[in-house]
Amino acid sequence: MRKIYIIALLLISVLFTKKTMAQQVCHASFYLDTAASTPYNAVIVNNSVTYLTPPDSALYFWSFGDGTSSMLKCPTHTYTSPGNKYLFLTLYNVNRTCTDSFMRVINIDTAGGFHKTNGSYNIRVVSTVKSGIASQSIGNSIALKSTFVANEALVNFKGFENHLPVLTNIFSFDGKQINASSQILDGDQLQVSVKNLTPGMYFIAVQVQGKTAILKFIKQ
């Protein structure tokens, strides 16, 4: 009887531990809703997922790539010039026991979408329940060979011609640009030096032939 009692306590302990771990999950994510956006305003859907205790303890930090930021779950922001905008979201709880970051390029040009020729460009973040358009993706044509990097990040390219110019930008997890470089693609792989970075999480934004990939990596 004592043996059965001990086994029951162990099972309860394991189940409680798994439940506690499940409640401390942070997954930061968002995407551009092309259907809801207008020529003057972009709608960004915050479809982040959290399993925290308490459930409303998630904190949000947005970096808009132009030196401004917000700690609202669904902020609005105005850009005053076109081009590629590096939009970051860091999701975490008060004790920082659960944290995740996500980055995406929002492109503003003059050829449609939510674009216009001059003046200001507005983005508005909404919760995922207000929209269900699928996230934009470029597939697996640009990817890191490994998420864990020591001195060189190796970027693999699939389906691209040789001798193309490639622009790379490295950002910290909170949206600060660290450096930018331009190289010529020779083969199907590109080396990006990260040896001067301190250990931690970073993003590489890779631009080639009008496509941009956001690659998350861990500097060891």
Protein backbone atom coordinates (compact mmCIF):
# COMPACT_ATOMS: atom_id res chain seq x y z
CA MET A 1 0.00 0.00 0.00
CA ARG A 2 2.85 2.38 0.87
CA LYS A 3 4.50 1.61 -2.50
CA ILE A 4 1.31 2.49 -4.40
CA TYR A 5 1.02 5.73 -2.39
CA ILE A 6 4.60 6.75 -3.27
CA ILE A 7 4.07 5.98 -6.97
CA ALA A 8 0.88 8.08 -6.96
CA LEU A 9 2.75 11.02 -5.41
CA LEU A 10 5.48 10.74 -8.05
CA LEU A 11 2.92 10.72 -10.87
CA ILE A 12 1.18 13.79 -9.43
CA SER A 13 4.56 15.55 -9.13
CA VAL A 14 5.46 14.77 -12.77
CA LEU A 15 2.08 15.95 -14.04
CA PHE A 16 2.31 19.16 -12.00
CA THR A 17 5.84 19.83 -13.29
CA LYS A 18 4.76 19.32 -16.91
CA LYS A 19 1.76 21.60 -16.41
CA THR A 20 3.95 24.29 -14.86
CA MET A 21 6.44 24.05 -17.72
CA ALA A 22 3.62 24.21 -20.27
CA GLN A 23 2.33 27.37 -18.62
CA GLN A 24 5.69 29.11 -19.14
CA VAL A 25 5.78 29.08 -22.96
CA CYS A 26 6.41 32.25 -24.97
CA HIS A 27 6.23 32.32 -28.78
CA ALA A 28 6.54 35.76 -30.39
CA SER A 29 5.06 36.10 -33.88
CA PHE A 30 3.29 38.59 -36.18
CA TYR A 31 2.59 39.09 -39.88
CA LEU A 32 1.39 41.66 -42.41
CA ASP A 33 -2.31 41.25 -43.21
CA THR A 34 -2.34 42.09 -46.93
CA ALA A 35 -6.13 41.75 -47.15
CA ALA A 36 -6.93 44.22 -44.37
CA SER A 37 -4.20 46.75 -45.26
CA THR A 38 -5.02 49.84 -47.35
CA PRO A 39 -2.84 52.12 -49.51
CA TYR A 40 -2.26 54.31 -46.45
CA ASN A 41 -2.20 51.89 -43.54
CA ALA A 42 -0.67 48.49 -42.86
CA VAL A 43 -2.36 46.05 -40.51
CA ILE A 44 0.04 43.90 -38.50
CA VAL A 45 -1.45 40.85 -36.81
CA ASN A 46 0.07 39.96 -33.45
CA ASN A 47 -0.45 36.19 -33.37
CA SER A 48 1.97 35.51 -30.51
CA VAL A 49 1.20 32.53 -28.28
CA THR A 50 1.75 32.42 -24.52
CA TYR A 51 1.05 29.87 -21.80
CA LEU A 52 1.97 31.84 -18.70
CA THR A 53 0.93 31.86 -15.06
CA PRO A 54 -1.00 34.10 -14.61
CA PRO A 55 -2.24 34.09 -18.24
CA ASP A 56 -2.24 37.90 -18.56
CA SER A 57 1.37 38.33 -17.40
CA ALA A 58 2.88 38.57 -20.89
CA LEU A 59 4.85 41.75 -21.64
CA TYR A 60 5.52 43.08 -25.14
CA PHE A 61 8.38 45.16 -26.49
CA TRP A 62 8.12 46.42 -30.08
CA SER A 63 11.05 48.03 -31.88
CA PHE A 64 10.07 49.76 -35.14
CA GLY A 65 13.57 49.92 -36.61
CA ASP A 66 13.74 53.72 -36.64
CA GLY A 67 14.80 54.35 -33.06
CA THR A 68 11.30 54.23 -31.59
CA SER A 69 9.59 51.48 -29.58
CA SER A 70 6.42 50.56 -27.69
CA MET A 71 5.46 48.25 -24.83
CA LEU A 72 1.81 47.94 -25.88
CA LYS A 73 0.42 44.63 -27.07
CA CYS A 74 -1.15 46.30 -30.11
CA PRO A 75 0.56 49.65 -30.81
CA THR A 76 0.32 51.99 -33.80
CA HIS A 77 3.27 53.69 -35.47
CA THR A 78 3.96 56.12 -38.28
CA TYR A 79 6.95 55.95 -40.65
CA THR A 80 7.98 59.08 -42.53
CA SER A 81 9.93 57.44 -45.36
CA PRO A 82 9.62 54.36 -47.60
CA GLY A 83 11.98 51.37 -47.70
CA ASN A 84 12.54 48.21 -45.68
CA LYS A 85 11.41 48.55 -42.07
CA TYR A 86 12.77 46.02 -39.59
CA LEU A 87 9.97 45.34 -37.15
CA PHE A 88 10.85 43.48 -33.93
CA LEU A 89 8.77 41.96 -31.16
CA THR A 90 10.14 40.62 -27.88
CA LEU A 91 7.69 38.71 -25.69
CA TYR A 92 8.48 37.91 -22.06
CA ASN A 93 7.09 37.63 -18.54
CA VAL A 94 7.93 39.73 -15.49
CA ASN A 95 10.60 37.39 -14.13
CA ARG A 96 12.19 36.84 -17.57
CA THR A 97 11.87 33.08 -17.10
CA CYS A 98 10.14 32.94 -20.48
CA THR A 99 11.19 35.09 -23.43
CA ASP A 100 11.15 34.96 -27.24
CA SER A 101 11.85 37.43 -30.05
CA PHE A 102 10.63 37.68 -33.64
CA MET A 103 11.59 39.95 -36.54
CA ARG A 104 10.06 40.63 -39.95
CA VAL A 105 10.75 43.11 -42.74
CA ILE A 106 7.83 45.37 -43.65
CA ASN A 107 8.53 46.81 -47.10
CA ILE A 108 7.17 50.22 -48.04
CA ASP A 109 7.48 51.15 -51.72
CA THR A 110 5.37 52.97 -54.30
CA ALA A 111 3.92 50.01 -56.20
CA GLY A 112 0.80 48.97 -54.33
CA GLY A 113 -0.07 47.10 -51.16
CA PHE A 114 -0.31 49.58 -48.30
CA HIS A 115 2.11 51.93 -50.04
CA LYS A 116 1.97 55.54 -51.20
CA THR A 117 4.39 57.89 -52.96
CA ASN A 118 5.23 60.37 -50.20
CA GLY A 119 4.31 61.52 -46.74
CA SER A 120 3.78 59.22 -43.76
CA TYR A 121 3.17 55.47 -43.59
CA ASN A 122 1.10 54.06 -40.77
CA ILE A 123 1.05 50.60 -39.23
CA ARG A 124 -1.55 49.32 -36.79
CA VAL A 125 -1.11 46.15 -34.75
CA VAL A 126 -4.21 44.08 -33.99
CA SER A 127 -4.75 40.82 -32.14
CA THR A 128 -4.95 37.57 -34.08
CA VAL A 129 -8.70 37.22 -33.50
CA LYS A 130 -9.35 40.14 -35.86
CA SER A 131 -7.76 38.50 -38.89
CA GLY A 132 -6.73 35.12 -40.21
CA ILE A 133 -4.68 35.76 -43.34
CA ALA A 134 -1.72 33.42 -43.71
CA SER A 135 1.76 34.66 -42.87
CA GLN A 136 4.06 35.77 -45.68
CA SER A 137 6.91 33.39 -46.46
CA ILE A 138 9.71 32.87 -48.97
CA GLY A 139 9.95 29.16 -48.29
CA ASN A 140 13.28 27.46 -47.67
CA SER A 141 15.26 29.28 -50.38
CA ILE A 142 17.36 31.15 -47.77
CA ALA A 143 18.25 29.43 -44.50
CA LEU A 144 21.00 29.11 -41.92
CA LYS A 145 23.03 25.91 -41.95
CA SER A 146 22.95 25.93 -38.15
CA THR A 147 21.09 27.99 -35.56
CA PHE A 148 24.09 27.82 -33.21
CA VAL A 149 27.03 29.86 -34.46
CA ALA A 150 30.59 30.34 -33.22
CA ASN A 151 32.55 32.63 -35.57
CA GLU A 152 30.86 32.37 -38.97
CA ALA A 153 27.16 32.13 -39.76
CA LEU A 154 26.69 30.03 -42.90
CA VAL A 155 23.69 31.08 -45.00
CA ASN A 156 22.47 28.56 -47.59
CA PHE A 157 20.79 29.74 -50.83
CA LYS A 158 18.55 27.60 -53.01
CA GLY A 159 17.39 28.56 -56.49
CA PHE A 160 19.51 31.71 -56.90
CA GLU A 161 21.96 32.51 -59.68
CA ASN A 162 25.66 32.94 -58.95
CA HIS A 163 27.44 36.28 -58.50
CA LEU A 164 24.42 38.10 -57.06
CA PRO A 165 24.89 40.98 -54.58
CA VAL A 166 23.69 40.08 -51.08
CA LEU A 167 23.07 42.60 -48.31
CA THR A 168 23.17 41.33 -44.72
CA ASN A 169 22.15 43.20 -41.57
CA ILE A 170 22.71 41.85 -38.06
CA PHE A 171 20.38 42.92 -35.25
CA SER A 172 20.31 42.23 -31.54
CA PHE A 173 17.24 40.54 -30.05
CA ASP A 174 15.78 43.92 -29.02
CA GLY A 175 16.01 45.48 -32.48
CA LYS A 176 19.32 47.35 -32.42
CA GLN A 177 21.25 47.20 -35.69
CA ILE A 178 24.81 46.00 -35.06
CA ASN A 179 26.35 46.00 -38.52
CA ALA A 180 25.60 45.77 -42.24
CA SER A 181 27.66 44.31 -45.06
CA SER A 182 27.41 43.57 -48.78
CA GLN A 183 28.88 40.49 -50.45
CA ILE A 184 28.72 38.70 -53.78
CA LEU A 185 27.11 35.27 -53.73
CA ASP A 186 29.65 32.72 -54.98
CA GLY A 187 28.03 29.30 -55.01
CA ASP A 188 25.10 28.35 -52.79
CA GLN A 189 26.51 29.46 -49.43
CA LEU A 190 27.54 32.76 -47.85
CA GLN A 191 29.69 33.28 -44.76
CA VAL A 192 28.76 36.10 -42.38
CA SER A 193 31.28 36.91 -39.66
CA VAL A 194 29.86 37.06 -36.13
CA LYS A 195 33.08 36.51 -34.18
CA ASN A 196 32.92 39.97 -32.58
CA LEU A 197 29.44 39.43 -31.15
CA THR A 198 28.92 38.61 -27.51
CA PRO A 199 27.06 35.33 -26.78
CA GLY A 200 23.29 35.62 -27.11
CA MET A 201 20.42 35.67 -29.60
CA TYR A 202 20.58 37.69 -32.84
CA PHE A 203 18.88 38.09 -36.21
CA ILE A 204 20.37 38.24 -39.71
CA ALA A 205 18.31 40.03 -42.36
CA VAL A 206 19.42 38.72 -45.78
CA GLN A 207 18.38 40.62 -48.92
CA VAL A 208 18.93 39.24 -52.44
CA GLN A 209 17.00 39.78 -55.69
CA GLY A 210 14.21 41.62 -53.92
CA LYS A 211 13.69 38.85 -51.35
CA THR A 212 14.39 39.25 -47.66
CA ALA A 213 14.83 36.45 -45.13
CA ILE A 214 14.95 36.93 -41.36
CA LEU A 215 17.16 34.29 -39.74
CA LYS A 216 17.40 33.84 -35.98
CA PHE A 217 20.63 32.45 -34.50
CA ILE A 218 22.40 31.91 -31.21
CA LYS A 219 25.99 33.20 -30.89
CA GLN A 220 27.90 30.74 -28.72
